[in-house]
C-alpha cells in the first residue's frame, strides 16, 4: 500500500464523477466502505443507488451483483440452491448472488421477512448456512441495500435486528438543479461509469480496513461515545435506544472517517457528526415524525447537550 491517501482521493474523484450527490453523502459512503460495514440507502427510485454500487465495485476492482427484491423473492434466490450432479451422483450447491464482493439489494423492504432473515446471517457472519454446512462469503463483502419510504405500496417493515446490522444509513435525496444538469450533460457523451478506472484492489481495501481498526481512541472519547449511546435509551422522545452494537459501529465509523479525512486528532465533534448516519436507523422514536431523518436535527442537538462534552484535543491519529 504505497500511497493510501492518493488512492482514497482517486476513489472520491471516481464517485463524484459519476454520482451527482452532496459531498457528505459521498464521504459517508466511503466511510462505510473503509469501516468494512454495510450501507442502507433510503430514497425514492431513480436516485443513483445501483450506479453507486457499480461505481464502487469498478473503482475497487471488485465483483458486484444486484438483486431486485419482490414479495415472492425466496431465500434460495439469494443464497443459492442444491442441484443433483449426475456425473458425481451427489448434490452440489449452486451459489447465489450473495457470493460476491458488493451485493446491492434493491428495494429491500419489498422482500418478505423470511428472505430478509436469510440475508441477516450473511451480513452478520460473512457466511451462510446451507444443508448444515457453513459456507464463507468472498472478502471483502459489503451489502448496499436501498429502502423505499415506508408509505410506498407493497413494502414490509425491516426488523430491528436487520437494521442494526447496517453500519450506516444515508438519504441522498434528489440532486440540486446544478447537480442534475451536470448529470445530464455528463451522459451526453456516454455513460461516465465506462470511464471509471480501478484505483485499488480488494487486498488494498482490506489493508486500509485493518489500518482503521488500529487507530487509537482516547479513554475520554470512548467514554463520550458510551455516554451518548446510553443517553439515547434514556431520552424521553426515544422508544427504543441504540444497542451496544451501535457503540461499536460508531467507533468503527469514527476511525474510518479520521483516516479518510486525514484528521490530526479524533475529537468529540467528529463523533457528533456521525450520530445521524450511524444511529438514526437503529432507533425508534415516540414521535413518528422523528423516524424520518429530515426531522431529527433538533433531536441530535438536544442529545448532545444532555451529555458533557469532554474537554480534549482529541486522540492523535497515527499509522
C-alpha atoms as a PDB file:
ATOM      1  CA  UNK A   1       0.000   0.000   0.000  1.00  0.00           C
ATOM      2  CA  UNK A   2       2.261   2.760  -1.321  1.00  0.00           C
ATOM      3  CA  UNK A   3       0.017   5.812  -1.034  1.00  0.00           C
ATOM      4  CA  UNK A   4      -3.353   5.204   0.653  1.00  0.00           C
ATOM      5  CA  UNK A   5      -4.214   8.921   0.734  1.00  0.00           C
ATOM      6  CA  UNK A   6      -3.850   9.197  -3.046  1.00  0.00           C
ATOM      7  CA  UNK A   7      -5.940   6.055  -3.608  1.00  0.00           C
ATOM      8  CA  UNK A   8      -8.718   7.381  -1.374  1.00  0.00           C
ATOM      9  CA  UNK A   9      -8.666  10.716  -3.169  1.00  0.00           C
ATOM     10  CA  UNK A  10      -8.959   8.941  -6.518  1.00  0.00           C
ATOM     11  CA  UNK A  11     -11.864   6.877  -5.161  1.00  0.00           C
ATOM     12  CA  UNK A  12     -13.655  10.088  -4.193  1.00  0.00           C
ATOM     13  CA  UNK A  13     -12.993  11.508  -7.663  1.00  0.00           C
ATOM     14  CA  UNK A  14     -14.440   8.377  -9.278  1.00  0.00           C
ATOM     15  CA  UNK A  15     -17.603   8.581  -7.197  1.00  0.00           C
ATOM     16  CA  UNK A  16     -18.095  12.304  -7.726  1.00  0.00           C
ATOM     17  CA  UNK A  17     -17.549  11.967 -11.484  1.00  0.00           C
ATOM     18  CA  UNK A  18     -20.457   9.525 -11.759  1.00  0.00           C
ATOM     19  CA  UNK A  19     -22.721  10.216  -8.768  1.00  0.00           C
ATOM     20  CA  UNK A  20     -24.197  13.694  -8.517  1.00  0.00           C
ATOM     21  CA  UNK A  21     -24.671  13.850  -4.752  1.00  0.00           C
ATOM     22  CA  UNK A  22     -23.573  16.031  -1.870  1.00  0.00           C
ATOM     23  CA  UNK A  23     -20.021  15.721  -0.587  1.00  0.00           C
ATOM     24  CA  UNK A  24     -21.437  14.487   2.733  1.00  0.00           C
ATOM     25  CA  UNK A  25     -23.220  11.568   1.045  1.00  0.00           C
ATOM     26  CA  UNK A  26     -20.038  10.538  -0.770  1.00  0.00           C
ATOM     27  CA  UNK A  27     -17.972  10.946   2.402  1.00  0.00           C
ATOM     28  CA  UNK A  28     -20.342   8.785   4.428  1.00  0.00           C
ATOM     29  CA  UNK A  29     -20.383   6.147   1.686  1.00  0.00           C
ATOM     30  CA  UNK A  30     -16.591   5.963   1.679  1.00  0.00           C
ATOM     31  CA  UNK A  31     -16.538   5.918   5.480  1.00  0.00           C
ATOM     32  CA  UNK A  32     -18.805   2.872   5.483  1.00  0.00           C
ATOM     33  CA  UNK A  33     -16.593   1.122   2.923  1.00  0.00           C
ATOM     34  CA  UNK A  34     -13.411   1.833   4.906  1.00  0.00           C
ATOM     35  CA  UNK A  35     -15.036   0.678   8.131  1.00  0.00           C
ATOM     36  CA  UNK A  36     -15.990  -2.619   6.493  1.00  0.00           C
ATOM     37  CA  UNK A  37     -19.695  -2.101   7.123  1.00  0.00           C
ATOM     38  CA  UNK A  38     -22.976  -2.487   5.281  1.00  0.00           C
ATOM     39  CA  UNK A  39     -24.780   0.558   3.888  1.00  0.00           C
ATOM     40  CA  UNK A  40     -28.508   1.321   3.869  1.00  0.00           C
ATOM     41  CA  UNK A  41     -29.730   3.925   1.377  1.00  0.00           C
ATOM     42  CA  UNK A  42     -33.211   5.250   1.970  1.00  0.00           C
ATOM     43  CA  UNK A  43     -34.599   7.118  -1.006  1.00  0.00           C
ATOM     44  CA  UNK A  44     -37.079   7.096  -3.840  1.00  0.00           C
ATOM     45  CA  UNK A  45     -36.320   5.087  -7.015  1.00  0.00           C
ATOM     46  CA  UNK A  46     -34.081   6.612  -9.664  1.00  0.00           C
ATOM     47  CA  UNK A  47     -31.600   8.463  -7.446  1.00  0.00           C
ATOM     48  CA  UNK A  48     -28.470   6.513  -8.401  1.00  0.00           C
ATOM     49  CA  UNK A  49     -28.294   3.657  -5.892  1.00  0.00           C
ATOM     50  CA  UNK A  50     -27.411   0.997  -8.471  1.00  0.00           C
ATOM     51  CA  UNK A  51     -24.916   3.318 -10.134  1.00  0.00           C
ATOM     52  CA  UNK A  52     -23.291   3.959  -6.764  1.00  0.00           C
ATOM     53  CA  UNK A  53     -22.676   0.259  -6.107  1.00  0.00           C
ATOM     54  CA  UNK A  54     -21.341  -0.317  -9.622  1.00  0.00           C
ATOM     55  CA  UNK A  55     -19.012   2.672  -9.378  1.00  0.00           C
ATOM     56  CA  UNK A  56     -17.673   1.378  -6.069  1.00  0.00           C
ATOM     57  CA  UNK A  57     -17.174  -2.117  -7.459  1.00  0.00           C
ATOM     58  CA  UNK A  58     -15.346  -0.885 -10.545  1.00  0.00           C
ATOM     59  CA  UNK A  59     -13.198   1.565  -8.557  1.00  0.00           C
ATOM     60  CA  UNK A  60     -12.165  -1.202  -6.164  1.00  0.00           C
ATOM     61  CA  UNK A  61     -11.797  -3.913  -8.840  1.00  0.00           C
ATOM     62  CA  UNK A  62     -14.453  -5.984  -7.067  1.00  0.00           C
ATOM     63  CA  UNK A  63     -17.346  -8.136  -8.224  1.00  0.00           C
ATOM     64  CA  UNK A  64     -20.874  -6.843  -7.719  1.00  0.00           C
ATOM     65  CA  UNK A  65     -24.330  -8.378  -8.059  1.00  0.00           C
ATOM     66  CA  UNK A  66     -27.768  -6.821  -7.906  1.00  0.00           C
ATOM     67  CA  UNK A  67     -30.957  -8.400  -6.580  1.00  0.00           C
ATOM     68  CA  UNK A  68     -34.314  -6.752  -7.225  1.00  0.00           C
ATOM     69  CA  UNK A  69     -36.399  -7.539  -4.164  1.00  0.00           C
ATOM     70  CA  UNK A  70     -40.038  -8.550  -4.607  1.00  0.00           C
ATOM     71  CA  UNK A  71     -42.562 -10.179  -2.247  1.00  0.00           C
ATOM     72  CA  UNK A  72     -42.078 -13.567  -3.947  1.00  0.00           C
ATOM     73  CA  UNK A  73     -38.263 -13.483  -3.684  1.00  0.00           C
ATOM     74  CA  UNK A  74     -37.130 -16.633  -1.865  1.00  0.00           C
ATOM     75  CA  UNK A  75     -34.008 -17.183   0.277  1.00  0.00           C
ATOM     76  CA  UNK A  76     -32.672 -19.560  -2.391  1.00  0.00           C
ATOM     77  CA  UNK A  77     -32.791 -16.696  -4.895  1.00  0.00           C
ATOM     78  CA  UNK A  78     -30.079 -15.021  -2.793  1.00  0.00           C
ATOM     79  CA  UNK A  79     -28.177 -17.878  -1.154  1.00  0.00           C
ATOM     80  CA  UNK A  80     -28.325 -20.421  -3.979  1.00  0.00           C
ATOM     81  CA  UNK A  81     -29.816 -23.893  -4.250  1.00  0.00           C
ATOM     82  CA  UNK A  82     -28.890 -27.576  -4.398  1.00  0.00           C
ATOM     83  CA  UNK A  83     -28.704 -29.435  -7.695  1.00  0.00           C
ATOM     84  CA  UNK A  84     -28.156 -33.131  -8.283  1.00  0.00           C
ATOM     85  CA  UNK A  85     -24.949 -33.733 -10.233  1.00  0.00           C
ATOM     86  CA  UNK A  86     -25.471 -36.856 -12.315  1.00  0.00           C
ATOM     87  CA  UNK A  87     -21.747 -37.249 -13.017  1.00  0.00           C
ATOM     88  CA  UNK A  88     -20.777 -37.419  -9.330  1.00  0.00           C
ATOM     89  CA  UNK A  89     -24.137 -38.763  -8.141  1.00  0.00           C
ATOM     90  CA  UNK A  90     -24.111 -36.099  -5.423  1.00  0.00           C
ATOM     91  CA  UNK A  91     -25.941 -32.925  -4.587  1.00  0.00           C
ATOM     92  CA  UNK A  92     -23.921 -29.767  -5.111  1.00  0.00           C
ATOM     93  CA  UNK A  93     -24.582 -26.175  -4.111  1.00  0.00           C
ATOM     94  CA  UNK A  94     -25.153 -23.648  -6.884  1.00  0.00           C
ATOM     95  CA  UNK A  95     -24.044 -20.323  -5.464  1.00  0.00           C
ATOM     96  CA  UNK A  96     -26.496 -17.446  -5.456  1.00  0.00           C
ATOM     97  CA  UNK A  97     -25.793 -13.740  -5.952  1.00  0.00           C
ATOM     98  CA  UNK A  98     -24.736 -13.320  -2.301  1.00  0.00           C
ATOM     99  CA  UNK A  99     -21.391 -14.819  -3.323  1.00  0.00           C
ATOM    100  CA  UNK A 100     -19.903 -11.542  -4.472  1.00  0.00           C
ATOM    101  CA  UNK A 101     -17.997  -8.607  -3.006  1.00  0.00           C
ATOM    102  CA  UNK A 102     -20.663  -5.909  -3.238  1.00  0.00           C
ATOM    103  CA  UNK A 103     -24.275  -7.061  -3.126  1.00  0.00           C
ATOM    104  CA  UNK A 104     -26.929  -4.493  -3.987  1.00  0.00           C
ATOM    105  CA  UNK A 105     -30.311  -5.390  -2.520  1.00  0.00           C
ATOM    106  CA  UNK A 106     -32.632  -3.044  -4.357  1.00  0.00           C
ATOM    107  CA  UNK A 107     -35.852  -2.142  -2.527  1.00  0.00           C
ATOM    108  CA  UNK A 108     -35.037  -4.473   0.358  1.00  0.00           C
ATOM    109  CA  UNK A 109     -38.267  -3.660   2.151  1.00  0.00           C
ATOM    110  CA  UNK A 110     -40.242  -5.326  -0.654  1.00  0.00           C
ATOM    111  CA  UNK A 111     -38.693  -8.690   0.285  1.00  0.00           C
ATOM    112  CA  UNK A 112     -40.595 -10.941   2.681  1.00  0.00           C
ATOM    113  CA  UNK A 113     -39.449 -11.281   6.317  1.00  0.00           C
ATOM    114  CA  UNK A 114     -38.254 -14.825   5.550  1.00  0.00           C
ATOM    115  CA  UNK A 115     -35.933 -13.579   2.809  1.00  0.00           C
ATOM    116  CA  UNK A 116     -34.748 -10.681   4.958  1.00  0.00           C
ATOM    117  CA  UNK A 117     -33.835 -13.195   7.673  1.00  0.00           C
ATOM    118  CA  UNK A 118     -31.710 -15.167   5.206  1.00  0.00           C
ATOM    119  CA  UNK A 119     -29.780 -12.019   4.360  1.00  0.00           C
ATOM    120  CA  UNK A 120     -29.260 -11.237   8.054  1.00  0.00           C
ATOM    121  CA  UNK A 121     -26.996 -14.247   8.579  1.00  0.00           C
ATOM    122  CA  UNK A 122     -24.821 -13.314   5.605  1.00  0.00           C
ATOM    123  CA  UNK A 123     -24.436  -9.757   6.904  1.00  0.00           C
ATOM    124  CA  UNK A 124     -23.671 -10.860  10.449  1.00  0.00           C
ATOM    125  CA  UNK A 125     -21.345 -13.790   9.804  1.00  0.00           C
ATOM    126  CA  UNK A 126     -19.919 -13.163   6.313  1.00  0.00           C
ATOM    127  CA  UNK A 127     -21.028 -16.728   5.686  1.00  0.00           C
ATOM    128  CA  UNK A 128     -24.214 -18.681   5.045  1.00  0.00           C
ATOM    129  CA  UNK A 129     -25.509 -21.963   6.411  1.00  0.00           C
ATOM    130  CA  UNK A 130     -26.748 -24.371   3.774  1.00  0.00           C
ATOM    131  CA  UNK A 131     -27.681 -28.024   4.300  1.00  0.00           C
ATOM    132  CA  UNK A 132     -25.901 -27.979   7.657  1.00  0.00           C
ATOM    133  CA  UNK A 133     -22.682 -26.585   6.197  1.00  0.00           C
ATOM    134  CA  UNK A 134     -21.246 -23.111   6.770  1.00  0.00           C
ATOM    135  CA  UNK A 135     -20.032 -21.596   3.508  1.00  0.00           C
ATOM    136  CA  UNK A 136     -17.831 -18.475   3.742  1.00  0.00           C
ATOM    137  CA  UNK A 137     -18.512 -15.487   1.513  1.00  0.00           C
ATOM    138  CA  UNK A 138     -15.853 -13.667  -0.530  1.00  0.00           C
ATOM    139  CA  UNK A 139     -13.825 -10.952   1.182  1.00  0.00           C
ATOM    140  CA  UNK A 140     -14.290  -8.092   1.263  1.00  0.00           C
ATOM    141  CA  UNK A 141     -18.069  -8.422   1.457  1.00  0.00           C
ATOM    142  CA  UNK A 142     -20.480  -5.495   1.625  1.00  0.00           C
ATOM    143  CA  UNK A 143     -24.246  -5.190   1.323  1.00  0.00           C
ATOM    144  CA  UNK A 144     -25.659  -1.974  -0.098  1.00  0.00           C
ATOM    145  CA  UNK A 145     -29.415  -2.027   0.383  1.00  0.00           C
ATOM    146  CA  UNK A 146     -31.926   0.509  -0.833  1.00  0.00           C
ATOM    147  CA  UNK A 147     -35.151   1.075   1.040  1.00  0.00           C
ATOM    148  CA  UNK A 148     -38.223   2.877  -0.241  1.00  0.00           C
ATOM    149  CA  UNK A 149     -40.045   5.253   2.094  1.00  0.00           C
ATOM    150  CA  UNK A 150     -42.428   3.228   4.262  1.00  0.00           C
ATOM    151  CA  UNK A 151     -45.528   4.845   2.793  1.00  0.00           C
ATOM    152  CA  UNK A 152     -44.832   3.187  -0.583  1.00  0.00           C
ATOM    153  CA  UNK A 153     -47.210   0.354  -1.500  1.00  0.00           C
ATOM    154  CA  UNK A 154     -46.066  -3.247  -1.130  1.00  0.00           C
ATOM    155  CA  UNK A 155     -43.343  -2.683   1.450  1.00  0.00           C
ATOM    156  CA  UNK A 156     -42.537  -4.595   4.635  1.00  0.00           C
ATOM    157  CA  UNK A 157     -41.058  -3.030   7.747  1.00  0.00           C
ATOM    158  CA  UNK A 158     -37.421  -4.014   8.281  1.00  0.00           C
ATOM    159  CA  UNK A 159     -36.875  -5.751  11.640  1.00  0.00           C
ATOM    160  CA  UNK A 160     -34.694  -4.019  14.210  1.00  0.00           C
ATOM    161  CA  UNK A 161     -32.148  -6.865  14.143  1.00  0.00           C
ATOM    162  CA  UNK A 162     -31.582  -6.353  10.415  1.00  0.00           C
ATOM    163  CA  UNK A 163     -31.390  -2.560  10.675  1.00  0.00           C
ATOM    164  CA  UNK A 164     -28.809  -2.932  13.437  1.00  0.00           C
ATOM    165  CA  UNK A 165     -26.510  -4.794  11.025  1.00  0.00           C
ATOM    166  CA  UNK A 166     -26.197  -1.786   8.734  1.00  0.00           C
ATOM    167  CA  UNK A 167     -23.239   0.282   9.867  1.00  0.00           C
ATOM    168  CA  UNK A 168     -24.596   3.471   8.300  1.00  0.00           C
ATOM    169  CA  UNK A 169     -27.696   4.841   6.623  1.00  0.00           C
ATOM    170  CA  UNK A 170     -27.716   7.685   4.093  1.00  0.00           C
ATOM    171  CA  UNK A 171     -30.578   9.605   2.499  1.00  0.00           C
ATOM    172  CA  UNK A 172     -29.188  11.302  -0.640  1.00  0.00           C
ATOM    173  CA  UNK A 173     -32.408  12.967  -1.777  1.00  0.00           C
ATOM    174  CA  UNK A 174     -32.914  14.485  -5.188  1.00  0.00           C
ATOM    175  CA  UNK A 175     -29.901  16.277  -6.716  1.00  0.00           C
ATOM    176  CA  UNK A 176     -29.834  20.041  -6.839  1.00  0.00           C
ATOM    177  CA  UNK A 177     -30.591  21.826 -10.117  1.00  0.00           C
ATOM    178  CA  UNK A 178     -26.871  22.191 -10.800  1.00  0.00           C
ATOM    179  CA  UNK A 179     -26.138  18.548  -9.941  1.00  0.00           C
ATOM    180  CA  UNK A 180     -28.962  17.219 -12.100  1.00  0.00           C
ATOM    181  CA  UNK A 181     -27.883  19.402 -15.022  1.00  0.00           C
ATOM    182  CA  UNK A 182     -24.293  18.176 -14.614  1.00  0.00           C
ATOM    183  CA  UNK A 183     -25.566  14.591 -14.650  1.00  0.00           C
ATOM    184  CA  UNK A 184     -27.492  15.179 -17.874  1.00  0.00           C
ATOM    185  CA  UNK A 185     -24.529  16.847 -19.589  1.00  0.00           C
ATOM    186  CA  UNK A 186     -22.138  14.099 -18.479  1.00  0.00           C
ATOM    187  CA  UNK A 187     -24.307  11.474 -20.165  1.00  0.00           C
ATOM    188  CA  UNK A 188     -24.487  13.293 -23.481  1.00  0.00           C
ATOM    189  CA  UNK A 189     -21.093  11.830 -24.333  1.00  0.00           C
ATOM    190  CA  UNK A 190     -21.773   8.337 -22.975  1.00  0.00           C
ATOM    191  CA  UNK A 191     -22.035   6.648 -19.604  1.00  0.00           C
ATOM    192  CA  UNK A 192     -19.497   8.140 -17.128  1.00  0.00           C
ATOM    193  CA  UNK A 193     -19.259   4.715 -15.499  1.00  0.00           C
ATOM    194  CA  UNK A 194     -17.485   3.432 -18.615  1.00  0.00           C
ATOM    195  CA  UNK A 195     -14.649   5.867 -17.902  1.00  0.00           C
ATOM    196  CA  UNK A 196     -14.122   4.763 -14.295  1.00  0.00           C
ATOM    197  CA  UNK A 197     -10.784   3.040 -13.701  1.00  0.00           C
ATOM    198  CA  UNK A 198      -9.806   0.926 -10.664  1.00  0.00           C
ATOM    199  CA  UNK A 199      -7.892   2.864  -8.004  1.00  0.00           C
ATOM    200  CA  UNK A 200      -7.161  -0.104  -5.723  1.00  0.00           C
ATOM    201  CA  UNK A 201      -7.964  -3.790  -5.418  1.00  0.00           C
ATOM    202  CA  UNK A 202      -9.660  -5.845  -2.759  1.00  0.00           C
ATOM    203  CA  UNK A 203      -6.449  -6.677  -0.910  1.00  0.00           C
ATOM    204  CA  UNK A 204      -5.563  -2.980  -0.649  1.00  0.00           C
ATOM    205  CA  UNK A 205      -9.030  -2.229   0.685  1.00  0.00           C
ATOM    206  CA  UNK A 206      -8.631  -4.946   3.320  1.00  0.00           C
ATOM    207  CA  UNK A 207      -5.314  -3.379   4.365  1.00  0.00           C
ATOM    208  CA  UNK A 208      -6.979   0.015   4.709  1.00  0.00           C
ATOM    209  CA  UNK A 209      -9.763  -1.520   6.783  1.00  0.00           C
ATOM    210  CA  UNK A 210      -7.191  -3.093   9.109  1.00  0.00           C
ATOM    211  CA  UNK A 211      -5.435   0.278   9.351  1.00  0.00           C
ATOM    212  CA  UNK A 212      -8.694   1.860  10.519  1.00  0.00           C
ATOM    213  CA  UNK A 213      -9.090  -0.808  13.196  1.00  0.00           C
ATOM    214  CA  UNK A 214      -5.733   0.184  14.705  1.00  0.00           C
ATOM    215  CA  UNK A 215      -6.459   3.907  15.042  1.00  0.00           C
ATOM    216  CA  UNK A 216      -6.181   4.690  18.787  1.00  0.00           C
ATOM    217  CA  UNK A 217      -9.013   6.272  20.736  1.00  0.00           C
ATOM    218  CA  UNK A 218      -8.544   8.176  23.990  1.00  0.00           C
ATOM    219  CA  UNK A 219     -10.453   6.910  27.015  1.00  0.00           C
ATOM    220  CA  UNK A 220     -12.299  10.231  27.094  1.00  0.00           C
ATOM    221  CA  UNK A 221     -13.588   9.678  23.531  1.00  0.00           C
ATOM    222  CA  UNK A 222     -14.614   6.079  24.243  1.00  0.00           C
ATOM    223  CA  UNK A 223     -16.380   7.246  27.397  1.00  0.00           C
ATOM    224  CA  UNK A 224     -18.099  10.023  25.459  1.00  0.00           C
ATOM    225  CA  UNK A 225     -19.392   7.545  22.883  1.00  0.00           C
ATOM    226  CA  UNK A 226     -20.678   5.295  25.665  1.00  0.00           C
ATOM    227  CA  UNK A 227     -22.492   8.189  27.352  1.00  0.00           C
ATOM    228  CA  UNK A 228     -24.109   9.282  24.079  1.00  0.00           C
ATOM    229  CA  UNK A 229     -25.354   5.759  23.384  1.00  0.00           C
ATOM    230  CA  UNK A 230     -26.758   5.396  26.898  1.00  0.00           C
ATOM    231  CA  UNK A 231     -28.395   8.813  26.615  1.00  0.00           C
ATOM    232  CA  UNK A 232     -30.406   7.600  23.608  1.00  0.00           C
ATOM    233  CA  UNK A 233     -32.003   4.930  25.819  1.00  0.00           C
ATOM    234  CA  UNK A 234     -32.996   7.447  28.478  1.00  0.00           C
ATOM    235  CA  UNK A 235     -34.205  10.246  26.211  1.00  0.00           C
ATOM    236  CA  UNK A 236     -37.944  10.971  26.643  1.00  0.00           C
ATOM    237  CA  UNK A 237     -38.502  11.108  22.867  1.00  0.00           C
ATOM    238  CA  UNK A 238     -36.985   7.657  22.264  1.00  0.00           C
ATOM    239  CA  UNK A 239     -38.913   4.393  22.478  1.00  0.00           C
ATOM    240  CA  UNK A 240     -36.003   2.125  21.503  1.00  0.00           C
ATOM    241  CA  UNK A 241     -32.488   3.452  22.013  1.00  0.00           C
ATOM    242  CA  UNK A 242     -29.217   2.443  20.409  1.00  0.00           C
ATOM    243  CA  UNK A 243     -27.815  -1.008  21.209  1.00  0.00           C
ATOM    244  CA  UNK A 244     -24.300  -1.881  22.428  1.00  0.00           C
ATOM    245  CA  UNK A 245     -23.579  -2.882  18.818  1.00  0.00           C
ATOM    246  CA  UNK A 246     -24.259   0.745  17.915  1.00  0.00           C
ATOM    247  CA  UNK A 247     -21.390   1.792  20.203  1.00  0.00           C
ATOM    248  CA  UNK A 248     -19.011  -0.456  18.286  1.00  0.00           C
ATOM    249  CA  UNK A 249     -20.401   0.794  14.982  1.00  0.00           C
ATOM    250  CA  UNK A 250     -19.833   4.412  15.992  1.00  0.00           C
ATOM    251  CA  UNK A 251     -16.232   3.643  16.952  1.00  0.00           C
ATOM    252  CA  UNK A 252     -15.644   1.932  13.590  1.00  0.00           C
ATOM    253  CA  UNK A 253     -17.133   4.863  11.694  1.00  0.00           C
ATOM    254  CA  UNK A 254     -15.158   7.454  13.682  1.00  0.00           C
ATOM    255  CA  UNK A 255     -11.891   5.650  12.993  1.00  0.00           C
ATOM    256  CA  UNK A 256     -12.648   5.310   9.277  1.00  0.00           C
ATOM    257  CA  UNK A 257     -13.671   8.955   8.979  1.00  0.00           C
ATOM    258  CA  UNK A 258     -10.442  10.012  10.696  1.00  0.00           C
ATOM    259  CA  UNK A 259      -8.365   8.100   8.142  1.00  0.00           C
ATOM    260  CA  UNK A 260     -10.495   9.262   5.232  1.00  0.00           C
ATOM    261  CA  UNK A 261     -10.296  12.950   6.127  1.00  0.00           C
ATOM    262  CA  UNK A 262      -6.647  12.789   7.242  1.00  0.00           C
ATOM    263  CA  UNK A 263      -7.521  14.097  10.696  1.00  0.00           C
ATOM    264  CA  UNK A 264      -4.758  15.053  13.066  1.00  0.00           C
ATOM    265  CA  UNK A 265      -6.924  14.030  16.012  1.00  0.00           C
ATOM    266  CA  UNK A 266     -10.238  12.359  16.840  1.00  0.00           C
ATOM    267  CA  UNK A 267     -12.441  14.912  18.572  1.00  0.00           C
ATOM    268  CA  UNK A 268     -15.916  14.918  20.141  1.00  0.00           C
ATOM    269  CA  UNK A 269     -17.092  17.000  17.173  1.00  0.00           C
ATOM    270  CA  UNK A 270     -16.129  14.170  14.806  1.00  0.00           C
ATOM    271  CA  UNK A 271     -18.204  11.778  16.899  1.00  0.00           C
ATOM    272  CA  UNK A 272     -21.158  14.180  16.849  1.00  0.00           C
ATOM    273  CA  UNK A 273     -21.050  14.478  13.058  1.00  0.00           C
ATOM    274  CA  UNK A 274     -21.662  10.728  12.697  1.00  0.00           C
ATOM    275  CA  UNK A 275     -24.575  10.338  15.112  1.00  0.00           C
ATOM    276  CA  UNK A 276     -27.289  10.559  12.449  1.00  0.00           C
ATOM    277  CA  UNK A 277     -25.833   8.202   9.802  1.00  0.00           C
ATOM    278  CA  UNK A 278     -24.739   5.596  12.372  1.00  0.00           C
ATOM    279  CA  UNK A 279     -27.524   5.719  14.962  1.00  0.00           C
ATOM    280  CA  UNK A 280     -30.625   7.142  13.281  1.00  0.00           C
ATOM    281  CA  UNK A 281     -31.864   3.941  11.624  1.00  0.00           C
ATOM    282  CA  UNK A 282     -31.295   1.837  14.771  1.00  0.00           C
ATOM    283  CA  UNK A 283     -33.694   3.796  16.964  1.00  0.00           C
ATOM    284  CA  UNK A 284     -37.473   4.064  17.288  1.00  0.00           C
ATOM    285  CA  UNK A 285     -38.929   7.415  18.307  1.00  0.00           C
ATOM    286  CA  UNK A 286     -42.168   8.141  20.135  1.00  0.00           C
ATOM    287  CA  UNK A 287     -42.939  10.996  17.749  1.00  0.00           C
ATOM    288  CA  UNK A 288     -43.491   9.442  14.309  1.00  0.00           C
ATOM    289  CA  UNK A 289     -42.008  12.493  12.597  1.00  0.00           C
ATOM    290  CA  UNK A 290     -38.627  11.772  14.201  1.00  0.00           C
ATOM    291  CA  UNK A 291     -38.489   8.432  12.400  1.00  0.00           C
ATOM    292  CA  UNK A 292     -37.642  10.491   9.311  1.00  0.00           C
ATOM    293  CA  UNK A 293     -34.056  11.742   9.176  1.00  0.00           C
ATOM    294  CA  UNK A 294     -35.063  15.180   7.904  1.00  0.00           C
ATOM    295  CA  UNK A 295     -36.772  15.978  11.226  1.00  0.00           C
ATOM    296  CA  UNK A 296     -34.024  14.823  13.603  1.00  0.00           C
ATOM    297  CA  UNK A 297     -31.547  17.731  13.644  1.00  0.00           C
ATOM    298  CA  UNK A 298     -33.055  19.259  16.792  1.00  0.00           C
ATOM    299  CA  UNK A 299     -33.126  15.860  18.492  1.00  0.00           C
ATOM    300  CA  UNK A 300     -29.395  15.285  17.984  1.00  0.00           C
ATOM    301  CA  UNK A 301     -28.600  18.764  19.238  1.00  0.00           C
ATOM    302  CA  UNK A 302     -30.671  18.110  22.356  1.00  0.00           C
ATOM    303  CA  UNK A 303     -28.961  14.751  22.891  1.00  0.00           C
ATOM    304  CA  UNK A 304     -25.514  16.353  22.602  1.00  0.00           C
ATOM    305  CA  UNK A 305     -26.476  18.998  25.145  1.00  0.00           C
ATOM    306  CA  UNK A 306     -27.561  16.299  27.619  1.00  0.00           C
ATOM    307  CA  UNK A 307     -24.072  14.749  27.667  1.00  0.00           C
ATOM    308  CA  UNK A 308     -20.974  16.530  28.937  1.00  0.00           C
ATOM    309  CA  UNK A 309     -18.573  17.071  26.044  1.00  0.00           C
ATOM    310  CA  UNK A 310     -15.048  16.137  27.162  1.00  0.00           C
ATOM    311  CA  UNK A 311     -12.501  18.916  27.109  1.00  0.00           C
ATOM    312  CA  UNK A 312      -9.869  17.268  25.000  1.00  0.00           C
ATOM    313  CA  UNK A 313      -7.862  17.958  21.912  1.00  0.00           C
ATOM    314  CA  UNK A 314      -8.780  14.504  20.782  1.00  0.00           C
ATOM    315  CA  UNK A 315      -6.702  11.475  20.050  1.00  0.00           C
ATOM    316  CA  UNK A 316      -3.709  11.873  17.797  1.00  0.00           C
ATOM    317  CA  UNK A 317      -4.218   9.799  14.663  1.00  0.00           C
ATOM    318  CA  UNK A 318      -1.183   7.752  13.699  1.00  0.00           C
ATOM    319  CA  UNK A 319      -0.498   4.843  11.413  1.00  0.00           C
END
